[in-house]
């Protein structure tokens, strides 16, 4: 017998039930034998008693042999129903002796209810009365009101042993269930921890689909999506100058902030490529091509602003050369879905328009957001863009018309609340929406002091 079979709780349960039901049958046979020997040792009663003993032993060995079979549970259930019929036969042949009859009937009710509920209780009781009725085919049963304790002793001992064995088995089973439950809770905690760690390595779209059993949502299809690429200018050169810990901290801070902004604008992070980021809009839950495109542009503008804040933070950490990002956006039909092998799959976006977005990002200047003509046509009424002419892109035989994103039109003009400027020796990042009233005077003081210093420098 293999360890895996021994460890099967269903098999173990059936084997214990077989041991317990064998005790019941032996108690029934013993009761009948004692009752027969106390009376006049009728041949027919002796044959019935020996038949019950043979049935108990034979069924016990047979059920133990087939305990690992696919139909073992069903056969155990049917044999226990047969036991009820055998007990009905024994009780009838013993003359319905009051104490054994009450004990055996009680045992049948208990055994049936605990092993199969009301349905099995009804079936086993029917089997019991069938066993009683079978007696009438042999002889008419007689009621015996005996006060001899010897007649009831065997049944008392058998039923007592049955309940003790069942109680011990139930205790052991409850103890094992408690241990299994503790193990299950620990495994569940470990599973949740591993799930949390695993979720960090998958895109939200993929994780949500897999976790909810909706893998079909990741099937391959053609969609009109907006694709975004970005990277940090000069990051490769910087990586050779900085220590690994400092470089890791800078990169993780940058990617964390960019991820927060992408999630805020409902973009799907396709992948990180070192300091590069690829984000897709409209691949899963699209709000319309134009809305997806505007979300992508709004995200890129917010990323550019956040980068200004990070530049100040990194400068205070000793990074003298300001890090700047360049971004490219394109809109068009792409193939969206899962690609790979049976052992490894990658949910991504493929197509010419993906390549074009990457080329736009490579052609952008530091701090610049370049968009294709297709993207510009969707956002021009909401976003101010500057015509940058045409560029030559690797892999494209024709020139590519591009535009630079300035800002949303509502944020320009008299109501403009965001100001920025960068030149050699000067960098300004001013967001009026984020300045509190109690900081306004302090900011003005710093600006006026800087202006006075600058005027003095020019005069001298």
Protein backbone atom coordinates (compact mmCIF):
# COMPACT_ATOMS: atom_id res chain seq x y z
CA UNK A 1 0.00 0.00 0.00
CA UNK A 2 1.53 3.33 -1.06
CA UNK A 3 1.97 6.29 1.27
CA UNK A 4 -0.36 8.39 -0.85
CA UNK A 5 -3.15 5.88 -0.40
CA UNK A 6 -2.56 5.59 3.32
CA UNK A 7 -2.75 9.36 3.61
CA UNK A 8 -6.10 9.58 1.80
CA UNK A 9 -8.65 10.73 4.45
CA UNK A 10 -11.58 9.14 2.60
CA UNK A 11 -9.91 5.72 2.59
CA UNK A 12 -8.93 6.06 6.25
CA UNK A 13 -12.51 7.01 7.12
CA UNK A 14 -13.91 3.97 5.27
CA UNK A 15 -11.47 1.59 6.98
CA UNK A 16 -12.43 2.86 10.43
CA UNK A 17 -16.10 2.56 9.55
CA UNK A 18 -15.47 -1.03 8.47
CA UNK A 19 -13.87 -1.82 11.84
CA UNK A 20 -16.81 -0.28 13.69
CA UNK A 21 -19.53 -1.99 11.65
CA UNK A 22 -17.75 -5.34 12.14
CA UNK A 23 -18.13 -4.81 15.91
CA UNK A 24 -21.86 -4.24 15.44
CA UNK A 25 -22.32 -7.45 13.45
CA UNK A 26 -20.30 -9.49 15.96
CA UNK A 27 -22.37 -8.06 18.82
CA UNK A 28 -25.56 -9.00 16.95
CA UNK A 29 -24.33 -12.57 16.26
CA UNK A 30 -23.18 -12.95 19.88
CA UNK A 31 -26.56 -11.78 21.17
CA UNK A 32 -28.34 -14.34 19.01
CA UNK A 33 -25.99 -17.18 20.06
CA UNK A 34 -26.41 -16.43 23.75
CA UNK A 35 -30.17 -16.18 23.36
CA UNK A 36 -30.26 -19.54 21.50
CA UNK A 37 -28.05 -21.37 24.02
CA UNK A 38 -30.12 -19.97 26.90
CA UNK A 39 -33.29 -21.32 25.39
CA UNK A 40 -33.39 -24.69 23.69
CA UNK A 41 -30.57 -24.43 21.10
CA UNK A 42 -32.74 -24.54 18.04
CA UNK A 43 -30.86 -25.51 14.91
CA UNK A 44 -32.29 -22.72 12.76
CA UNK A 45 -31.32 -20.01 15.27
CA UNK A 46 -27.81 -21.46 15.47
CA UNK A 47 -27.51 -21.44 11.69
CA UNK A 48 -28.68 -17.80 11.58
CA UNK A 49 -26.14 -16.85 14.27
CA UNK A 50 -23.28 -18.58 12.41
CA UNK A 51 -24.43 -16.97 9.17
CA UNK A 52 -24.30 -13.53 10.80
CA UNK A 53 -20.78 -14.22 12.09
CA UNK A 54 -19.71 -15.41 8.64
CA UNK A 55 -21.29 -12.33 7.09
CA UNK A 56 -19.48 -10.06 9.58
CA UNK A 57 -16.08 -11.65 8.90
CA UNK A 58 -16.55 -11.99 5.13
CA UNK A 59 -17.84 -8.47 4.57
CA UNK A 60 -15.07 -7.05 6.79
CA UNK A 61 -12.30 -8.75 4.78
CA UNK A 62 -13.97 -7.93 1.44
CA UNK A 63 -14.43 -4.22 2.23
CA UNK A 64 -10.87 -3.97 3.50
CA UNK A 65 -9.62 -5.45 0.24
CA UNK A 66 -11.55 -3.04 -1.99
CA UNK A 67 -11.01 0.03 0.21
CA UNK A 68 -8.80 1.72 -2.42
CA UNK A 69 -11.19 1.19 -5.31
CA UNK A 70 -13.08 4.01 -7.06
CA UNK A 71 -16.46 2.74 -5.77
CA UNK A 72 -15.31 1.98 -2.22
CA UNK A 73 -17.40 4.73 -0.56
CA UNK A 74 -20.58 3.61 -2.35
CA UNK A 75 -20.03 -0.03 -1.43
CA UNK A 76 -19.36 0.85 2.23
CA UNK A 77 -22.65 2.74 2.34
CA UNK A 78 -24.60 -0.18 0.84
CA UNK A 79 -23.02 -2.73 3.17
CA UNK A 80 -23.96 -0.64 6.22
CA UNK A 81 -27.54 -0.62 4.95
CA UNK A 82 -27.30 -4.42 4.72
CA UNK A 83 -26.06 -4.41 8.33
CA UNK A 84 -29.33 -2.74 9.38
CA UNK A 85 -31.29 -5.55 7.69
CA UNK A 86 -29.11 -8.19 9.41
CA UNK A 87 -29.72 -6.53 12.80
CA UNK A 88 -33.47 -6.56 12.12
CA UNK A 89 -33.18 -10.30 11.44
CA UNK A 90 -31.17 -10.87 14.65
CA UNK A 91 -33.55 -8.82 16.82
CA UNK A 92 -36.51 -10.74 15.41
CA UNK A 93 -34.90 -14.17 15.93
CA UNK A 94 -33.91 -13.21 19.49
CA UNK A 95 -37.56 -12.70 20.31
CA UNK A 96 -37.39 -8.91 20.49
CA UNK A 97 -35.66 -9.07 23.84
CA UNK A 98 -36.33 -5.61 25.23
CA UNK A 99 -32.84 -4.38 26.16
CA UNK A 100 -30.95 -5.69 23.09
CA UNK A 101 -33.74 -4.45 20.82
CA UNK A 102 -33.63 -0.94 22.28
CA UNK A 103 -29.83 -0.86 22.10
CA UNK A 104 -29.60 -2.09 18.50
CA UNK A 105 -32.39 0.22 17.29
CA UNK A 106 -30.66 3.14 19.02
CA UNK A 107 -27.36 2.16 17.43
CA UNK A 108 -28.97 2.06 13.94
CA UNK A 109 -30.43 5.55 14.37
CA UNK A 110 -27.11 6.94 15.57
CA UNK A 111 -25.00 5.23 12.92
CA UNK A 112 -27.34 6.21 10.07
CA UNK A 113 -27.72 9.87 11.04
CA UNK A 114 -24.03 10.44 11.67
CA UNK A 115 -22.91 8.82 8.43
CA UNK A 116 -25.55 9.89 5.92
CA UNK A 117 -28.12 12.21 7.45
CA UNK A 118 -31.88 11.88 7.14
CA UNK A 119 -31.81 10.10 3.79
CA UNK A 120 -29.60 7.27 5.01
CA UNK A 121 -31.55 7.14 8.28
CA UNK A 122 -34.75 6.47 6.32
CA UNK A 123 -33.09 3.85 4.07
CA UNK A 124 -31.48 1.99 7.00
CA UNK A 125 -34.72 1.91 8.96
CA UNK A 126 -36.51 0.47 5.95
CA UNK A 127 -33.74 -2.15 5.72
CA UNK A 128 -34.18 -2.93 9.42
CA UNK A 129 -37.91 -3.62 9.00
CA UNK A 130 -37.18 -5.66 5.87
CA UNK A 131 -34.89 -7.84 8.03
CA UNK A 132 -37.64 -8.16 10.62
CA UNK A 133 -40.18 -9.03 7.93
CA UNK A 134 -37.83 -11.67 6.46
CA UNK A 135 -38.15 -13.59 9.73
CA UNK A 136 -41.81 -14.21 9.04
CA UNK A 137 -40.80 -16.26 5.97
CA UNK A 138 -38.99 -18.70 8.26
CA UNK A 139 -41.07 -18.71 11.42
CA UNK A 140 -43.36 -16.48 13.40
CA UNK A 141 -41.24 -14.43 15.88
CA UNK A 142 -42.20 -14.42 19.52
CA UNK A 143 -41.88 -11.69 22.10
CA UNK A 144 -39.58 -12.72 24.92
CA UNK A 145 -39.56 -10.68 28.10
CA UNK A 146 -36.56 -12.24 29.82
CA UNK A 147 -35.02 -10.87 32.98
CA UNK A 148 -31.84 -12.90 32.51
CA UNK A 149 -28.90 -10.51 32.30
CA UNK A 150 -26.82 -13.12 30.46
CA UNK A 151 -29.07 -12.81 27.42
CA UNK A 152 -28.44 -9.07 27.20
CA UNK A 153 -24.81 -9.11 28.34
CA UNK A 154 -23.32 -9.71 24.90
CA UNK A 155 -25.41 -6.98 23.29
CA UNK A 156 -24.57 -4.61 26.15
CA UNK A 157 -20.86 -5.31 25.81
CA UNK A 158 -21.02 -5.06 22.01
CA UNK A 159 -22.95 -1.79 21.94
CA UNK A 160 -20.76 -0.36 24.72
CA UNK A 161 -17.65 -1.29 22.74
CA UNK A 162 -19.20 0.21 19.61
CA UNK A 163 -19.87 3.58 21.21
CA UNK A 164 -16.46 3.66 22.91
CA UNK A 165 -14.73 2.81 19.63
CA UNK A 166 -16.77 5.39 17.77
CA UNK A 167 -16.07 8.04 20.41
CA UNK A 168 -12.33 7.31 20.27
CA UNK A 169 -12.37 7.40 16.49
CA UNK A 170 -14.36 10.67 16.50
CA UNK A 171 -11.89 12.20 18.96
CA UNK A 172 -8.92 11.21 16.81
CA UNK A 173 -10.65 12.47 13.70
CA UNK A 174 -11.50 15.83 15.31
CA UNK A 175 -7.90 16.13 16.51
CA UNK A 176 -6.61 15.45 13.01
CA UNK A 177 -9.09 17.93 11.57
CA UNK A 178 -7.86 20.58 14.02
CA UNK A 179 -4.27 19.91 12.99
CA UNK A 180 -5.27 19.95 9.32
CA UNK A 181 -7.15 23.20 9.85
CA UNK A 182 -4.12 24.81 11.48
CA UNK A 183 -1.95 23.58 8.63
CA UNK A 184 -4.50 24.88 6.13
CA UNK A 185 -4.56 28.31 7.82
CA UNK A 186 -0.75 28.45 7.72
CA UNK A 187 -0.71 27.38 4.08
CA UNK A 188 -3.42 29.93 3.28
CA UNK A 189 -1.36 32.68 4.91
CA UNK A 190 1.70 31.55 2.99
CA UNK A 191 -0.36 31.38 -0.20
CA UNK A 192 -1.63 34.93 0.30
CA UNK A 193 1.91 36.15 0.89
CA UNK A 194 3.17 34.39 -2.24
CA UNK A 195 0.17 35.67 -4.17
CA UNK A 196 0.95 39.23 -3.09
CA UNK A 197 4.58 38.81 -4.14
CA UNK A 198 3.57 37.23 -7.44
CA UNK A 199 1.10 40.04 -8.17
CA UNK A 200 3.99 42.51 -8.13
CA UNK A 201 5.52 40.74 -11.12
CA UNK A 202 2.35 40.75 -13.23
CA UNK A 203 0.42 43.59 -14.80
CA UNK A 204 -2.88 44.44 -13.08
CA UNK A 205 -4.80 43.34 -16.19
CA UNK A 206 -3.17 39.91 -16.27
CA UNK A 207 -3.37 39.39 -12.52
CA UNK A 208 -7.03 40.35 -12.31
CA UNK A 209 -7.97 38.07 -15.20
CA UNK A 210 -6.04 35.07 -13.81
CA UNK A 211 -7.18 35.63 -10.21
CA UNK A 212 -10.84 35.81 -11.29
CA UNK A 213 -10.56 32.85 -13.67
CA UNK A 214 -11.10 35.00 -16.77
CA UNK A 215 -8.09 33.85 -18.81
CA UNK A 216 -10.27 34.08 -21.95
CA UNK A 217 -10.08 37.87 -21.61
CA UNK A 218 -6.37 37.57 -22.43
CA UNK A 219 -7.02 35.96 -25.81
CA UNK A 220 -5.47 37.53 -28.91
CA UNK A 221 -7.45 40.16 -30.82
CA UNK A 222 -7.04 43.33 -32.85
CA UNK A 223 -7.76 46.60 -31.06
CA UNK A 224 -7.21 50.28 -31.59
CA UNK A 225 -5.03 51.26 -28.67
CA UNK A 226 -2.77 54.09 -27.57
CA UNK A 227 0.80 53.05 -26.80
CA UNK A 228 3.19 55.02 -24.58
CA UNK A 229 6.98 54.66 -24.24
CA UNK A 230 9.36 56.56 -21.98
CA UNK A 231 12.92 56.34 -20.72
CA UNK A 232 15.43 58.43 -18.78
CA UNK A 233 17.99 60.29 -20.85
CA UNK A 234 21.58 59.46 -19.90
CA UNK A 235 20.59 56.80 -17.38
CA UNK A 236 23.02 54.22 -18.80
CA UNK A 237 25.95 56.60 -18.34
CA UNK A 238 24.75 57.47 -14.84
CA UNK A 239 24.55 53.79 -13.91
CA UNK A 240 28.30 53.49 -14.46
CA UNK A 241 29.01 56.38 -12.07
CA UNK A 242 26.73 55.51 -9.14
CA UNK A 243 26.93 52.76 -6.56
CA UNK A 244 24.48 49.90 -7.03
CA UNK A 245 22.44 50.82 -3.91
CA UNK A 246 22.04 54.46 -4.96
CA UNK A 247 21.17 53.49 -8.52
CA UNK A 248 18.58 50.98 -7.32
CA UNK A 249 16.98 53.56 -5.02
CA UNK A 250 16.74 56.15 -7.80
CA UNK A 251 15.29 53.70 -10.32
CA UNK A 252 12.77 52.20 -7.88
CA UNK A 253 11.64 55.66 -6.77
CA UNK A 254 11.18 56.72 -10.37
CA UNK A 255 9.29 53.60 -11.41
CA UNK A 256 7.10 53.72 -8.29
CA UNK A 257 6.02 57.29 -9.01
CA UNK A 258 5.43 56.57 -12.70
CA UNK A 259 3.38 53.48 -11.81
CA UNK A 260 1.18 55.48 -9.44
CA UNK A 261 0.47 58.01 -12.18
CA UNK A 262 -0.21 55.30 -14.79
CA UNK A 263 -2.62 53.54 -12.43
CA UNK A 264 -4.35 56.84 -11.65
CA UNK A 265 -5.05 57.38 -15.36
CA UNK A 266 -6.10 53.72 -15.87
CA UNK A 267 -3.22 52.67 -18.08
CA UNK A 268 -1.94 49.09 -18.36
CA UNK A 269 1.77 48.81 -17.61
CA UNK A 270 2.97 46.38 -20.25
CA UNK A 271 6.57 46.10 -19.12
CA UNK A 272 9.58 47.76 -17.54
CA UNK A 273 12.76 47.72 -19.63
CA UNK A 274 15.41 48.95 -17.23
CA UNK A 275 14.57 52.65 -16.97
CA UNK A 276 12.14 52.34 -19.87
CA UNK A 277 8.38 51.99 -19.43
CA UNK A 278 5.74 50.75 -21.88
CA UNK A 279 2.11 51.54 -21.08
CA UNK A 280 -1.02 50.73 -23.10
CA UNK A 281 -4.45 52.37 -23.04
CA UNK A 282 -7.57 50.68 -24.39
CA UNK A 283 -6.26 47.11 -24.35
CA UNK A 284 -8.73 45.84 -21.77
CA UNK A 285 -11.46 48.18 -20.53
CA UNK A 286 -11.56 50.90 -23.16
CA UNK A 287 -13.50 54.12 -22.53
CA UNK A 288 -13.36 55.02 -26.22
CA UNK A 289 -10.35 55.71 -28.43
CA UNK A 290 -10.37 59.47 -27.81
CA UNK A 291 -10.79 59.14 -24.05
CA UNK A 292 -8.02 56.53 -23.90
CA UNK A 293 -5.77 58.86 -25.87
CA UNK A 294 -6.51 61.85 -23.63
CA UNK A 295 -5.82 59.75 -20.55
CA UNK A 296 -2.47 58.76 -21.97
CA UNK A 297 -1.52 62.37 -22.72
CA UNK A 298 -2.72 63.53 -19.29
CA UNK A 299 -0.57 60.80 -17.76
CA UNK A 300 2.52 61.86 -19.73
CA UNK A 301 2.07 65.51 -18.70
CA UNK A 302 1.75 64.55 -15.06
CA UNK A 303 4.81 62.32 -15.37
CA UNK A 304 6.79 65.24 -16.76
CA UNK A 305 5.74 67.40 -13.82
CA UNK A 306 6.55 64.68 -11.31
CA UNK A 307 9.98 64.33 -12.86
CA UNK A 308 10.70 67.96 -11.98
CA UNK A 309 9.97 67.20 -8.34
CA UNK A 310 12.19 64.12 -8.46
CA UNK A 311 15.02 66.17 -9.97
CA UNK A 312 15.00 68.44 -6.93
CA UNK A 313 14.94 65.44 -4.59
CA UNK A 314 17.82 63.72 -6.38
CA UNK A 315 19.83 66.96 -6.53
CA UNK A 316 19.64 67.16 -2.75
CA UNK A 317 20.90 63.56 -2.65
CA UNK A 318 24.00 64.49 -4.64
CA UNK A 319 22.88 63.83 -8.22
CA UNK A 320 24.15 67.02 -9.86
CA UNK A 321 23.13 66.24 -13.43
CA UNK A 322 19.31 66.46 -13.65
CA UNK A 323 17.66 63.32 -14.98
CA UNK A 324 15.02 63.95 -17.63
CA UNK A 325 12.61 61.69 -19.41
CA UNK A 326 11.52 61.59 -23.02
CA UNK A 327 8.20 60.18 -24.10
CA UNK A 328 6.49 58.98 -27.28
CA UNK A 329 2.80 58.28 -27.91
CA UNK A 330 1.05 56.69 -30.88
CA UNK A 331 -2.47 55.44 -31.59
CA UNK A 332 -3.46 52.69 -33.99
CA UNK A 333 -4.62 49.09 -34.48
CA UNK A 334 -2.42 46.52 -32.75
CA UNK A 335 -2.59 42.84 -31.85
CA UNK A 336 -3.34 42.50 -28.16
CA UNK A 337 -3.13 39.21 -26.28
CA UNK A 338 -0.97 36.43 -24.84
CA UNK A 339 2.09 35.26 -26.73
CA UNK A 340 4.64 32.59 -25.88
CA UNK A 341 4.82 28.88 -25.18
CA UNK A 342 2.93 26.39 -23.02
CA UNK A 343 5.42 27.04 -20.21
CA UNK A 344 5.73 30.82 -20.44
CA UNK A 345 3.22 33.39 -21.69
CA UNK A 346 3.51 37.14 -22.02
CA UNK A 347 0.52 39.45 -22.28
CA UNK A 348 1.57 42.32 -24.54
CA UNK A 349 0.81 44.44 -27.59
CA UNK A 350 2.43 43.86 -30.99
CA UNK A 351 2.35 45.71 -34.27
CA UNK A 352 3.72 48.55 -36.36
CA UNK A 353 2.08 51.20 -34.21
CA UNK A 354 3.90 49.86 -31.15
CA UNK A 355 7.20 50.24 -32.98
CA UNK A 356 6.27 53.78 -34.02
CA UNK A 357 5.58 54.80 -30.41
CA UNK A 358 9.01 53.49 -29.48
CA UNK A 359 10.63 55.43 -32.35
CA UNK A 360 8.88 58.63 -31.24
CA UNK A 361 10.25 58.18 -27.73
CA UNK A 362 13.78 57.73 -29.12
CA UNK A 363 13.42 60.89 -31.26
CA UNK A 364 12.14 63.06 -28.40
CA UNK A 365 14.38 65.58 -26.67
CA UNK A 366 14.82 65.59 -22.87
CA UNK A 367 11.54 66.51 -21.19
CA UNK A 368 9.66 66.32 -24.51
CA UNK A 369 6.47 64.42 -25.33
CA UNK A 370 6.17 63.52 -29.01
CA UNK A 371 2.91 62.26 -30.50
CA UNK A 372 2.07 60.93 -33.94
CA UNK A 373 -0.39 62.57 -36.33
CA UNK A 374 -3.01 59.92 -35.46
CA UNK A 375 -2.77 60.80 -31.78
CA UNK A 376 -2.69 64.55 -32.45
CA UNK A 377 -5.91 64.33 -34.48
CA UNK A 378 -7.70 62.89 -31.42
CA UNK A 379 -6.43 65.40 -28.85
CA UNK A 380 -5.89 68.66 -30.78
CA UNK A 381 -9.11 70.28 -29.54
CA UNK A 382 -8.17 69.71 -25.90
CA UNK A 383 -4.35 69.67 -25.86
CA UNK A 384 -2.03 72.34 -27.23
CA UNK A 385 0.59 70.72 -29.48
CA UNK A 386 3.48 72.25 -31.44
CA UNK A 387 4.15 71.06 -34.99
CA UNK A 388 7.64 69.52 -35.05
CA UNK A 389 7.64 68.66 -38.72
CA UNK A 390 8.69 65.23 -39.91
CA UNK A 391 11.26 62.73 -38.73
CA UNK A 392 12.81 59.61 -40.21
CA UNK A 393 12.17 56.52 -38.13
CA UNK A 394 14.00 53.21 -38.36
CA UNK A 395 11.83 50.56 -39.96
CA UNK A 396 9.55 53.09 -41.72
CA UNK A 397 10.05 53.94 -45.36
CA UNK A 398 8.16 57.24 -45.17
CA UNK A 399 8.68 60.32 -43.03
CA UNK A 400 6.67 60.49 -39.80
CA UNK A 401 4.70 63.62 -38.93
CA UNK A 402 5.16 64.46 -35.25
CA UNK A 403 3.91 66.99 -32.69
CA UNK A 404 5.17 68.08 -29.29
CA UNK A 405 2.68 68.19 -26.42
CA UNK A 406 2.72 71.54 -24.62
CA UNK A 407 -0.15 71.26 -22.13
CA UNK A 408 -3.90 71.14 -21.88
CA UNK A 409 -5.45 74.25 -23.37
CA UNK A 410 -7.35 74.96 -20.16
CA UNK A 411 -4.04 75.21 -18.29
CA UNK A 412 -2.62 77.83 -20.64
CA UNK A 413 -3.28 81.58 -20.96
CA UNK A 414 -4.43 83.80 -18.12
CA UNK A 415 -5.59 80.86 -16.05
CA UNK A 416 -2.24 79.10 -16.34
CA UNK A 417 -1.30 77.55 -13.01
CA UNK A 418 1.85 75.69 -14.00
CA UNK A 419 5.19 77.23 -14.95
CA UNK A 420 8.48 75.59 -15.77
CA UNK A 421 11.74 76.56 -17.37
CA UNK A 422 15.13 74.93 -17.66
CA UNK A 423 18.39 76.34 -18.92
CA UNK A 424 22.09 76.22 -18.00
CA UNK A 425 22.30 77.25 -14.35
CA UNK A 426 18.53 77.76 -13.96
CA UNK A 427 15.58 75.47 -13.36
CA UNK A 428 12.09 76.47 -12.26
CA UNK A 429 9.10 74.32 -11.43
CA UNK A 430 6.05 76.20 -10.12
CA UNK A 431 2.67 74.55 -9.60
CA UNK A 432 0.21 77.09 -8.20
CA UNK A 433 -2.40 74.42 -7.47
CA UNK A 434 -0.09 72.75 -4.97
CA UNK A 435 1.05 75.88 -3.11
CA UNK A 436 -0.89 76.51 0.08
CA UNK A 437 -1.88 80.00 1.17
CA UNK A 438 0.43 79.94 4.18
CA UNK A 439 3.39 79.15 1.89
CA UNK A 440 2.63 81.81 -0.74
CA UNK A 441 4.54 84.65 0.94
CA UNK A 442 7.54 82.41 1.51
CA UNK A 443 7.63 81.40 -2.18
CA UNK A 444 7.32 85.03 -3.30
CA UNK A 445 10.19 85.99 -0.97
CA UNK A 446 12.45 83.32 -2.45
CA UNK A 447 11.55 84.35 -6.00
CA UNK A 448 12.21 88.05 -5.31
CA UNK A 449 15.49 87.27 -3.55
CA UNK A 450 16.59 85.12 -6.52
CA UNK A 451 15.54 87.89 -8.94
CA UNK A 452 17.53 90.51 -7.01
CA UNK A 453 20.61 88.29 -7.01
CA UNK A 454 20.20 87.72 -10.72
CA UNK A 455 19.90 91.45 -11.46
CA UNK A 456 23.00 92.18 -9.44
CA UNK A 457 24.88 89.47 -11.33
CA UNK A 458 23.86 90.96 -14.70
CA UNK A 459 24.77 94.58 -13.69
CA UNK A 460 28.19 93.59 -12.43
